[in-house]
PDB file of N, CA and C in Angstrom:
ATOM      1  N   MET A   1     200.558 -45.389  76.483  1.00  0.00           N
ATOM      2  CA  MET A   1     201.572 -44.444  76.054  1.00  0.00           C
ATOM      3  C   MET A   1     202.183 -43.797  77.291  1.00  0.00           C
ATOM      4  N   LEU A   2     203.493 -43.760  77.331  1.00  0.00           N
ATOM      5  CA  LEU A   2     204.212 -43.134  78.443  1.00  0.00           C
ATOM      6  C   LEU A   2     204.406 -41.646  78.173  1.00  0.00           C
ATOM      7  N   PRO A   3     204.436 -40.844  79.226  1.00  0.00           N
ATOM      8  CA  PRO A   3     204.739 -39.424  79.032  1.00  0.00           C
ATOM      9  C   PRO A   3     206.146 -39.261  78.466  1.00  0.00           C
ATOM     10  N   GLU A   4     206.334 -38.223  77.659  1.00  0.00           N
ATOM     11  CA  GLU A   4     207.650 -37.992  77.054  1.00  0.00           C
ATOM     12  C   GLU A   4     208.667 -37.498  78.077  1.00  0.00           C
ATOM     13  N   ALA A   5     208.250 -36.678  79.011  1.00  0.00           N
ATOM     14  CA  ALA A   5     209.169 -36.098  79.994  1.00  0.00           C
ATOM     15  C   ALA A   5     209.396 -37.054  81.160  1.00  0.00           C
ATOM     16  N   GLY A   6     210.643 -37.122  81.595  1.00  0.00           N
ATOM     17  CA  GLY A   6     210.971 -37.868  82.807  1.00  0.00           C
ATOM     18  C   GLY A   6     211.107 -39.367  82.652  1.00  0.00           C
ATOM     19  N   GLY A   7     210.956 -39.874  81.464  1.00  0.00           N
ATOM     20  CA  GLY A   7     211.052 -41.321  81.259  1.00  0.00           C
ATOM     21  C   GLY A   7     212.487 -41.814  81.326  1.00  0.00           C
ATOM     22  N   GLN A   8     212.627 -43.066  81.699  1.00  0.00           N
ATOM     23  CA  GLN A   8     213.939 -43.699  81.739  1.00  0.00           C
ATOM     24  C   GLN A   8     213.835 -45.041  81.037  1.00  0.00           C
ATOM     25  N   SER A   9     214.861 -45.396  80.332  1.00  0.00           N
ATOM     26  CA  SER A   9     214.902 -46.675  79.637  1.00  0.00           C
ATOM     27  C   SER A   9     216.020 -47.523  80.225  1.00  0.00           C
ATOM     28  N   LEU A  10     215.704 -48.769  80.545  1.00  0.00           N
ATOM     29  CA  LEU A  10     216.707 -49.694  81.074  1.00  0.00           C
ATOM     30  C   LEU A  10     216.853 -50.866  80.119  1.00  0.00           C
ATOM     31  N   PRO A  11     218.075 -51.251  79.808  1.00  0.00           N
ATOM     32  CA  PRO A  11     218.257 -52.479  79.037  1.00  0.00           C
ATOM     33  C   PRO A  11     217.716 -53.666  79.839  1.00  0.00           C
ATOM     34  N   GLY A  12     217.242 -54.672  79.155  1.00  0.00           N
ATOM     35  CA  GLY A  12     216.694 -55.851  79.816  1.00  0.00           C
ATOM     36  C   GLY A  12     217.663 -56.497  80.787  1.00  0.00           C
ATOM     37  N   ALA A  13     218.954 -56.548  80.432  1.00  0.00           N
ATOM     38  CA  ALA A  13     219.953 -57.154  81.318  1.00  0.00           C
ATOM     39  C   ALA A  13     220.062 -56.375  82.627  1.00  0.00           C
ATOM     40  N   THR A  14     219.968 -55.071  82.548  1.00  0.00           N
ATOM     41  CA  THR A  14     220.028 -54.247  83.753  1.00  0.00           C
ATOM     42  C   THR A  14     218.795 -54.473  84.615  1.00  0.00           C
ATOM     43  N   ALA A  15     217.632 -54.519  83.988  1.00  0.00           N
ATOM     44  CA  ALA A  15     216.394 -54.770  84.733  1.00  0.00           C
ATOM     45  C   ALA A  15     216.447 -56.124  85.433  1.00  0.00           C
ATOM     46  N   LEU A  16     216.959 -57.144  84.753  1.00  0.00           N
ATOM     47  CA  LEU A  16     217.080 -58.474  85.359  1.00  0.00           C
ATOM     48  C   LEU A  16     218.039 -58.440  86.542  1.00  0.00           C
ATOM     49  N   ALA A  17     219.171 -57.784  86.385  1.00  0.00           N
ATOM     50  CA  ALA A  17     220.145 -57.700  87.480  1.00  0.00           C
ATOM     51  C   ALA A  17     219.535 -57.011  88.695  1.00  0.00           C
ATOM     52  N   ILE A  18     218.804 -55.932  88.467  1.00  0.00           N
ATOM     53  CA  ILE A  18     218.157 -55.219  89.572  1.00  0.00           C
ATOM     54  C   ILE A  18     217.135 -56.117  90.258  1.00  0.00           C
ATOM     55  N   GLN A  19     216.359 -56.840  89.481  1.00  0.00           N
ATOM     56  CA  GLN A  19     215.366 -57.750  90.065  1.00  0.00           C
ATOM     57  C   GLN A  19     216.037 -58.816  90.928  1.00  0.00           C
ATOM     58  N   LEU A  20     217.102 -59.425  90.435  1.00  0.00           N
ATOM     59  CA  LEU A  20     217.802 -60.457  91.203  1.00  0.00           C
ATOM     60  C   LEU A  20     218.368 -59.891  92.504  1.00  0.00           C
ATOM     61  N   VAL A  21     218.919 -58.696  92.436  1.00  0.00           N
ATOM     62  CA  VAL A  21     219.485 -58.071  93.633  1.00  0.00           C
ATOM     63  C   VAL A  21     218.385 -57.730  94.633  1.00  0.00           C
ATOM     64  N   MET A  22     217.311 -57.111  94.182  1.00  0.00           N
ATOM     65  CA  MET A  22     216.238 -56.743  95.112  1.00  0.00           C
ATOM     66  C   MET A  22     215.582 -57.976  95.723  1.00  0.00           C
ATOM     67  N   ASP A  23     215.495 -59.063  94.969  1.00  0.00           N
ATOM     68  CA  ASP A  23     214.963 -60.307  95.540  1.00  0.00           C
ATOM     69  C   ASP A  23     215.894 -60.863  96.608  1.00  0.00           C
ATOM     70  N   ASP A  24     217.191 -60.558  96.514  1.00  0.00           N
ATOM     71  CA  ASP A  24     218.143 -60.983  97.536  1.00  0.00           C
ATOM     72  C   ASP A  24     218.098 -60.052  98.750  1.00  0.00           C
ATOM     73  N   VAL A  25     218.054 -58.754  98.503  1.00  0.00           N
ATOM     74  CA  VAL A  25     218.047 -57.768  99.584  1.00  0.00           C
ATOM     75  C   VAL A  25     216.732 -57.825 100.364  1.00  0.00           C
ATOM     76  N   LEU A  26     215.626 -57.806  99.633  1.00  0.00           N
ATOM     77  CA  LEU A  26     214.291 -57.799 100.247  1.00  0.00           C
ATOM     78  C   LEU A  26     213.399 -58.830  99.563  1.00  0.00           C
ATOM     79  N   PRO A  27     213.516 -60.087  99.938  1.00  0.00           N
ATOM     80  CA  PRO A  27     212.636 -61.096  99.338  1.00  0.00           C
ATOM     81  C   PRO A  27     211.171 -60.699  99.528  1.00  0.00           C
ATOM     82  N   ARG A  28     210.361 -60.947  98.524  1.00  0.00           N
ATOM     83  CA  ARG A  28     208.962 -60.509  98.558  1.00  0.00           C
ATOM     84  C   ARG A  28     208.187 -61.090  99.737  1.00  0.00           C
ATOM     85  N   GLU A  29     208.531 -62.293 100.165  1.00  0.00           N
ATOM     86  CA  GLU A  29     207.798 -62.927 101.263  1.00  0.00           C
ATOM     87  C   GLU A  29     208.265 -62.446 102.640  1.00  0.00           C
ATOM     88  N   ARG A  30     209.331 -61.681 102.678  1.00  0.00           N
ATOM     89  CA  ARG A  30     209.867 -61.193 103.960  1.00  0.00           C
ATOM     90  C   ARG A  30     209.084 -59.959 104.410  1.00  0.00           C
ATOM     91  N   THR A  31     208.611 -59.998 105.639  1.00  0.00           N
ATOM     92  CA  THR A  31     207.853 -58.885 106.190  1.00  0.00           C
ATOM     93  C   THR A  31     208.399 -58.534 107.569  1.00  0.00           C
ATOM     94  N   PRO A  32     208.186 -57.292 107.996  1.00  0.00           N
ATOM     95  CA  PRO A  32     208.660 -56.917 109.328  1.00  0.00           C
ATOM     96  C   PRO A  32     207.825 -57.599 110.408  1.00  0.00           C
ATOM     97  N   ALA A  33     208.400 -57.725 111.573  1.00  0.00           N
ATOM     98  CA  ALA A  33     207.693 -58.310 112.711  1.00  0.00           C
ATOM     99  C   ALA A  33     206.500 -57.433 113.079  1.00  0.00           C
ATOM    100  N   GLY A  34     205.519 -58.032 113.693  1.00  0.00           N
ATOM    101  CA  GLY A  34     204.330 -57.284 114.096  1.00  0.00           C
ATOM    102  C   GLY A  34     204.631 -56.141 115.037  1.00  0.00           C
ATOM    103  N   SER A  35     205.710 -56.245 115.775  1.00  0.00           N
ATOM    104  CA  SER A  35     206.090 -55.194 116.725  1.00  0.00           C
ATOM    105  C   SER A  35     207.092 -54.203 116.131  1.00  0.00           C
ATOM    106  N   ALA A  36     207.287 -54.243 114.815  1.00  0.00           N
ATOM    107  CA  ALA A  36     208.283 -53.388 114.166  1.00  0.00           C
ATOM    108  C   ALA A  36     207.920 -51.912 114.310  1.00  0.00           C
ATOM    109  N   SER A  37     208.950 -51.106 114.453  1.00  0.00           N
ATOM    110  CA  SER A  37     208.766 -49.653 114.518  1.00  0.00           C
ATOM    111  C   SER A  37     208.461 -49.126 113.115  1.00  0.00           C
ATOM    112  N   PRO A  38     207.935 -47.898 113.001  1.00  0.00           N
ATOM    113  CA  PRO A  38     207.717 -47.318 111.673  1.00  0.00           C
ATOM    114  C   PRO A  38     209.002 -47.284 110.835  1.00  0.00           C
ATOM    115  N   GLN A  39     210.140 -47.042 111.481  1.00  0.00           N
ATOM    116  CA  GLN A  39     211.418 -47.023 110.768  1.00  0.00           C
ATOM    117  C   GLN A  39     211.747 -48.411 110.221  1.00  0.00           C
ATOM    118  N   GLU A  40     211.540 -49.448 111.019  1.00  0.00           N
ATOM    119  CA  GLU A  40     211.799 -50.820 110.570  1.00  0.00           C
ATOM    120  C   GLU A  40     210.866 -51.205 109.430  1.00  0.00           C
ATOM    121  N   VAL A  41     209.604 -50.807 109.514  1.00  0.00           N
ATOM    122  CA  VAL A  41     208.651 -51.082 108.433  1.00  0.00           C
ATOM    123  C   VAL A  41     209.131 -50.409 107.153  1.00  0.00           C
ATOM    124  N   CYS A  42     209.591 -49.180 107.256  1.00  0.00           N
ATOM    125  CA  CYS A  42     210.100 -48.441 106.101  1.00  0.00           C
ATOM    126  C   CYS A  42     211.269 -49.170 105.440  1.00  0.00           C
ATOM    127  N   LEU A  43     212.157 -49.737 106.246  1.00  0.00           N
ATOM    128  CA  LEU A  43     213.326 -50.440 105.707  1.00  0.00           C
ATOM    129  C   LEU A  43     212.949 -51.699 104.938  1.00  0.00           C
ATOM    130  N   PHE A  44     211.748 -52.216 105.127  1.00  0.00           N
ATOM    131  CA  PHE A  44     211.274 -53.397 104.409  1.00  0.00           C
ATOM    132  C   PHE A  44     210.585 -53.037 103.092  1.00  0.00           C
ATOM    133  N   GLN A  45     210.482 -51.771 102.759  1.00  0.00           N
ATOM    134  CA  GLN A  45     209.799 -51.330 101.546  1.00  0.00           C
ATOM    135  C   GLN A  45     210.809 -51.031 100.444  1.00  0.00           C
ATOM    136  N   ARG A  46     210.632 -51.664  99.304  1.00  0.00           N
ATOM    137  CA  ARG A  46     211.584 -51.504  98.197  1.00  0.00           C
ATOM    138  C   ARG A  46     211.691 -50.066  97.715  1.00  0.00           C
ATOM    139  N   GLN A  47     210.608 -49.321  97.795  1.00  0.00           N
ATOM    140  CA  GLN A  47     210.640 -47.935  97.326  1.00  0.00           C
ATOM    141  C   GLN A  47     211.470 -47.029  98.228  1.00  0.00           C
ATOM    142  N   SER A  48     211.954 -47.545  99.344  1.00  0.00           N
ATOM    143  CA  SER A  48     212.820 -46.770 100.237  1.00  0.00           C
ATOM    144  C   SER A  48     214.267 -46.731  99.747  1.00  0.00           C
ATOM    145  N   TYR A  49     214.555 -47.425  98.669  1.00  0.00           N
ATOM    146  CA  TYR A  49     215.933 -47.572  98.193  1.00  0.00           C
ATOM    147  C   TYR A  49     216.105 -47.008  96.792  1.00  0.00           C
ATOM    148  N   ASP A  50     217.298 -46.489  96.522  1.00  0.00           N
ATOM    149  CA  ASP A  50     217.703 -46.053  95.187  1.00  0.00           C
ATOM    150  C   ASP A  50     218.660 -47.092  94.621  1.00  0.00           C
ATOM    151  N   ILE A  51     218.656 -47.225  93.301  1.00  0.00           N
ATOM    152  CA  ILE A  51     219.468 -48.232  92.619  1.00  0.00           C
ATOM    153  C   ILE A  51     220.388 -47.542  91.622  1.00  0.00           C
ATOM    154  N   GLU A  52     221.630 -47.979  91.594  1.00  0.00           N
ATOM    155  CA  GLU A  52     222.576 -47.593  90.546  1.00  0.00           C
ATOM    156  C   GLU A  52     223.030 -48.883  89.880  1.00  0.00           C
ATOM    157  N   ALA A  53     223.140 -48.881  88.573  1.00  0.00           N
ATOM    158  CA  ALA A  53     223.584 -50.080  87.861  1.00  0.00           C
ATOM    159  C   ALA A  53     224.476 -49.674  86.695  1.00  0.00           C
ATOM    160  N   ALA A  54     225.458 -50.525  86.414  1.00  0.00           N
ATOM    161  CA  ALA A  54     226.381 -50.264  85.310  1.00  0.00           C
ATOM    162  C   ALA A  54     226.809 -51.592  84.702  1.00  0.00           C
ATOM    163  N   PRO A  55     226.909 -51.630  83.375  1.00  0.00           N
ATOM    164  CA  PRO A  55     227.372 -52.864  82.740  1.00  0.00           C
ATOM    165  C   PRO A  55     228.846 -53.102  83.025  1.00  0.00           C
ATOM    166  N   GLY A  56     229.192 -54.358  83.185  1.00  0.00           N
ATOM    167  CA  GLY A  56     230.576 -54.761  83.387  1.00  0.00           C
ATOM    168  C   GLY A  56     231.001 -55.690  82.264  1.00  0.00           C
ATOM    169  N   PRO A  57     232.120 -56.344  82.411  1.00  0.00           N
ATOM    170  CA  PRO A  57     232.614 -57.237  81.366  1.00  0.00           C
ATOM    171  C   PRO A  57     231.832 -58.551  81.311  1.00  0.00           C
ATOM    172  N   GLU A  58     231.733 -59.116  80.142  1.00  0.00           N
ATOM    173  CA  GLU A  58     231.232 -60.476  79.922  1.00  0.00           C
ATOM    174  C   GLU A  58     229.879 -60.758  80.565  1.00  0.00           C
ATOM    175  N   GLY A  59     228.922 -59.865  80.376  1.00  0.00           N
ATOM    176  CA  GLY A  59     227.575 -60.110  80.870  1.00  0.00           C
ATOM    177  C   GLY A  59     227.358 -59.841  82.340  1.00  0.00           C
ATOM    178  N   VAL A  60     228.321 -59.215  82.985  1.00  0.00           N
ATOM    179  CA  VAL A  60     228.173 -58.866  84.398  1.00  0.00           C
ATOM    180  C   VAL A  60     227.565 -57.466  84.494  1.00  0.00           C
ATOM    181  N   VAL A  61     226.655 -57.293  85.441  1.00  0.00           N
ATOM    182  CA  VAL A  61     226.100 -55.975  85.735  1.00  0.00           C
ATOM    183  C   VAL A  61     226.398 -55.682  87.201  1.00  0.00           C
ATOM    184  N   TRP A  62     226.940 -54.495  87.454  1.00  0.00           N
ATOM    185  CA  TRP A  62     227.221 -54.047  88.818  1.00  0.00           C
ATOM    186  C   TRP A  62     225.993 -53.307  89.312  1.00  0.00           C
ATOM    187  N   VAL A  63     225.542 -53.630  90.506  1.00  0.00           N
ATOM    188  CA  VAL A  63     224.348 -52.993  91.066  1.00  0.00           C
ATOM    189  C   VAL A  63     224.659 -52.511  92.479  1.00  0.00           C
ATOM    190  N   ARG A  64     224.273 -51.290  92.759  1.00  0.00           N
ATOM    191  CA  ARG A  64     224.412 -50.746  94.110  1.00  0.00           C
ATOM    192  C   ARG A  64     223.034 -50.323  94.590  1.00  0.00           C
ATOM    193  N   VAL A  65     222.686 -50.750  95.786  1.00  0.00           N
ATOM    194  CA  VAL A  65     221.415 -50.419  96.421  1.00  0.00           C
ATOM    195  C   VAL A  65     221.728 -49.546  97.630  1.00  0.00           C
ATOM    196  N   SER A  66     221.113 -48.378  97.698  1.00  0.00           N
ATOM    197  CA  SER A  66     221.346 -47.454  98.814  1.00  0.00           C
ATOM    198  C   SER A  66     220.016 -46.934  99.328  1.00  0.00           C
ATOM    199  N   LEU A  67     219.947 -46.733 100.609  1.00  0.00           N
ATOM    200  CA  LEU A  67     218.762 -46.132 101.197  1.00  0.00           C
ATOM    201  C   LEU A  67     218.592 -44.735 100.609  1.00  0.00           C
ATOM    202  N   SER A  68     217.393 -44.413 100.146  1.00  0.00           N
ATOM    203  CA  SER A  68     217.133 -43.096  99.562  1.00  0.00           C
ATOM    204  C   SER A  68     217.368 -42.004 100.595  1.00  0.00           C
ATOM    205  N   PRO A  69     217.962 -40.895 100.190  1.00  0.00           N
ATOM    206  CA  PRO A  69     218.170 -39.794 101.134  1.00  0.00           C
ATOM    207  C   PRO A  69     216.835 -39.360 101.743  1.00  0.00           C
ATOM    208  N   GLY A  70     216.808 -39.266 103.035  1.00  0.00           N
ATOM    209  CA  GLY A  70     215.599 -38.840 103.729  1.00  0.00           C
ATOM    210  C   GLY A  70     214.599 -39.946 104.006  1.00  0.00           C
ATOM    211  N   ALA A  71     214.835 -41.132 103.479  1.00  0.00           N
ATOM    212  CA  ALA A  71     213.908 -42.242 103.716  1.00  0.00           C
ATOM    213  C   ALA A  71     214.147 -42.839 105.094  1.00  0.00           C
ATOM    214  N   CYS A  72     213.096 -43.300 105.697  1.00  0.00           N
ATOM    215  CA  CYS A  72     213.153 -44.063 106.953  1.00  0.00           C
ATOM    216  C   CYS A  72     213.787 -43.282 108.098  1.00  0.00           C
ATOM    217  N   THR A  73     213.604 -41.975 108.125  1.00  0.00           N
ATOM    218  CA  THR A  73     214.179 -41.170 109.202  1.00  0.00           C
ATOM    219  C   THR A  73     213.240 -41.049 110.394  1.00  0.00           C
ATOM    220  N   ARG A  74     212.011 -41.472 110.215  1.00  0.00           N
ATOM    221  CA  ARG A  74     211.064 -41.432 111.338  1.00  0.00           C
ATOM    222  C   ARG A  74     211.555 -42.390 112.420  1.00  0.00           C
ATOM    223  N   GLY A  75     211.783 -41.878 113.588  1.00  0.00           N
ATOM    224  CA  GLY A  75     212.299 -42.717 114.662  1.00  0.00           C
ATOM    225  C   GLY A  75     213.769 -42.479 114.925  1.00  0.00           C
ATOM    226  N   GLY A  76     214.356 -41.504 114.250  1.00  0.00           N
ATOM    227  CA  GLY A  76     215.754 -41.194 114.501  1.00  0.00           C
ATOM    228  C   GLY A  76     216.648 -41.515 113.335  1.00  0.00           C
ATOM    229  N   PRO A  77     217.864 -41.002 113.382  1.00  0.00           N
ATOM    230  CA  PRO A  77     218.803 -41.237 112.279  1.00  0.00           C
ATOM    231  C   PRO A  77     219.275 -42.686 112.231  1.00  0.00           C
ATOM    232  N   LEU A  78     219.597 -43.116 111.039  1.00  0.00           N
ATOM    233  CA  LEU A  78     220.152 -44.451 110.818  1.00  0.00           C
ATOM    234  C   LEU A  78     221.670 -44.357 110.755  1.00  0.00           C
ATOM    235  N   PRO A  79     222.381 -45.462 110.976  1.00  0.00           N
ATOM    236  CA  PRO A  79     223.838 -45.442 110.796  1.00  0.00           C
ATOM    237  C   PRO A  79     224.193 -45.046 109.363  1.00  0.00           C
ATOM    238  N   ASN A  80     225.365 -44.456 109.174  1.00  0.00           N
ATOM    239  CA  ASN A  80     225.788 -44.008 107.844  1.00  0.00           C
ATOM    240  C   ASN A  80     225.815 -45.118 106.812  1.00  0.00           C
ATOM    241  N   ASP A  81     226.115 -46.347 107.224  1.00  0.00           N
ATOM    242  CA  ASP A  81     226.222 -47.439 106.260  1.00  0.00           C
ATOM    243  C   ASP A  81     224.925 -48.235 106.121  1.00  0.00           C
ATOM    244  N   ALA A  82     223.856 -47.784 106.745  1.00  0.00           N
ATOM    245  CA  ALA A  82     222.589 -48.525 106.681  1.00  0.00           C
ATOM    246  C   ALA A  82     222.057 -48.521 105.257  1.00  0.00           C
ATOM    247  N   GLY A  83     221.703 -49.674 104.775  1.00  0.00           N
ATOM    248  CA  GLY A  83     221.037 -49.773 103.489  1.00  0.00           C
ATOM    249  C   GLY A  83     221.902 -49.542 102.279  1.00  0.00           C
ATOM    250  N   SER A  84     223.186 -49.815 102.333  1.00  0.00           N
ATOM    251  CA  SER A  84     224.049 -49.674 101.170  1.00  0.00           C
ATOM    252  C   SER A  84     224.694 -51.021 100.861  1.00  0.00           C
ATOM    253  N   PHE A  85     224.363 -51.569  99.683  1.00  0.00           N
ATOM    254  CA  PHE A  85     224.823 -52.895  99.295  1.00  0.00           C
ATOM    255  C   PHE A  85     225.338 -52.848  97.864  1.00  0.00           C
ATOM    256  N   SER A  86     226.399 -53.592  97.571  1.00  0.00           N
ATOM    257  CA  SER A  86     226.945 -53.665  96.214  1.00  0.00           C
ATOM    258  C   SER A  86     226.951 -55.111  95.747  1.00  0.00           C
ATOM    259  N   TYR A  87     226.608 -55.310  94.481  1.00  0.00           N
ATOM    260  CA  TYR A  87     226.501 -56.653  93.915  1.00  0.00           C
ATOM    261  C   TYR A  87     227.154 -56.721  92.538  1.00  0.00           C
ATOM    262  N   ALA A  88     227.656 -57.899  92.211  1.00  0.00           N
ATOM    263  CA  ALA A  88     228.048 -58.239  90.842  1.00  0.00           C
ATOM    264  C   ALA A  88     227.104 -59.355  90.413  1.00  0.00           C
ATOM    265  N   VAL A  89     226.423 -59.161  89.284  1.00  0.00           N
ATOM    266  CA  VAL A  89     225.417 -60.114  88.821  1.00  0.00           C
ATOM    267  C   VAL A  89     225.773 -60.603  87.424  1.00  0.00           C
ATOM    268  N   ASP A  90     225.784 -61.912  87.244  1.00  0.00           N
ATOM    269  CA  ASP A  90     225.961 -62.526  85.928  1.00  0.00           C
ATOM    270  C   ASP A  90     224.569 -62.719  85.341  1.00  0.00           C
ATOM    271  N   VAL A  91     224.185 -61.846  84.415  1.00  0.00           N
ATOM    272  CA  VAL A  91     222.825 -61.924  83.884  1.00  0.00           C
ATOM    273  C   VAL A  91     222.643 -63.094  82.925  1.00  0.00           C
ATOM    274  N   LYS A  92     223.711 -63.537  82.285  1.00  0.00           N
ATOM    275  CA  LYS A  92     223.600 -64.701  81.393  1.00  0.00           C
ATOM    276  C   LYS A  92     223.243 -65.952  82.178  1.00  0.00           C
ATOM    277  N   GLN A  93     223.831 -66.097  83.359  1.00  0.00           N
ATOM    278  CA  GLN A  93     223.580 -67.265  84.218  1.00  0.00           C
ATOM    279  C   GLN A  93     222.452 -66.999  85.220  1.00  0.00           C
ATOM    280  N   ARG A  94     221.968 -65.752  85.280  1.00  0.00           N
ATOM    281  CA  ARG A  94     220.906 -65.349  86.213  1.00  0.00           C
ATOM    282  C   ARG A  94     221.302 -65.637  87.659  1.00  0.00           C
ATOM    283  N   ARG A  95     222.518 -65.193  88.032  1.00  0.00           N
ATOM    284  CA  ARG A  95     222.958 -65.451  89.402  1.00  0.00           C
ATOM    285  C   ARG A  95     223.838 -64.318  89.916  1.00  0.00           C
ATOM    286  N   ILE A  96     223.835 -64.198  91.227  1.00  0.00           N
ATOM    287  CA  ILE A  96     224.665 -63.208  91.903  1.00  0.00           C
ATOM    288  C   ILE A  96     226.057 -63.800  92.084  1.00  0.00           C
ATOM    289  N   LEU A  97     227.065 -63.084  91.612  1.00  0.00           N
ATOM    290  CA  LEU A  97     228.448 -63.543  91.729  1.00  0.00           C
ATOM    291  C   LEU A  97     229.069 -63.127  93.056  1.00  0.00           C
ATOM    292  N   ALA A  98     228.751 -61.918  93.497  1.00  0.00           N
ATOM    293  CA  ALA A  98     229.335 -61.404  94.738  1.00  0.00           C
ATOM    294  C   ALA A  98     228.414 -60.340  95.309  1.00  0.00           C
ATOM    295  N   ALA A  99     228.444 -60.235  96.633  1.00  0.00           N
ATOM    296  CA  ALA A  99     227.668 -59.204  97.322  1.00  0.00           C
ATOM    297  C   ALA A  99     228.520 -58.632  98.440  1.00  0.00           C
ATOM    298  N   ARG A 100     228.440 -57.332  98.604  1.00  0.00           N
ATOM    299  CA  ARG A 100     229.163 -56.682  99.704  1.00  0.00           C
ATOM    300  C   ARG A 100     228.153 -55.876 100.511  1.00  0.00           C
ATOM    301  N   TRP A 101     228.008 -56.275 101.758  1.00  0.00           N
ATOM    302  CA  TRP A 101     227.096 -55.619 102.687  1.00  0.00           C
ATOM    303  C   TRP A 101     227.926 -54.836 103.688  1.00  0.00           C
ATOM    304  N   PRO A 102     227.317 -53.839 104.316  1.00  0.00           N
ATOM    305  CA  PRO A 102     228.076 -53.064 105.313  1.00  0.00           C
ATOM    306  C   PRO A 102     228.538 -53.919 106.472  1.00  0.00           C
TER     307      PRO A 102
END
């Protein structure tokens, strides 16, 4: 049983779109180099990012991935456009239609 307060519900199509995007942004098998700084290690962690998603026309879901405010600041500030990506995902075909990286 989930707690009543603070819960969020996502439609299955949205969850699938987010999964496809995160697998593209940060593939599970991708790891930082052994000499990576704490900031670089942080950038490889999925929980360092916030997700926005919205349904589009004809089974398309728009997904935006942004570095969470205050995340990965150890080691100095990041560029303003660091960690912000936009995607269009066709959930019916299970594929990414377009991606825009900084």
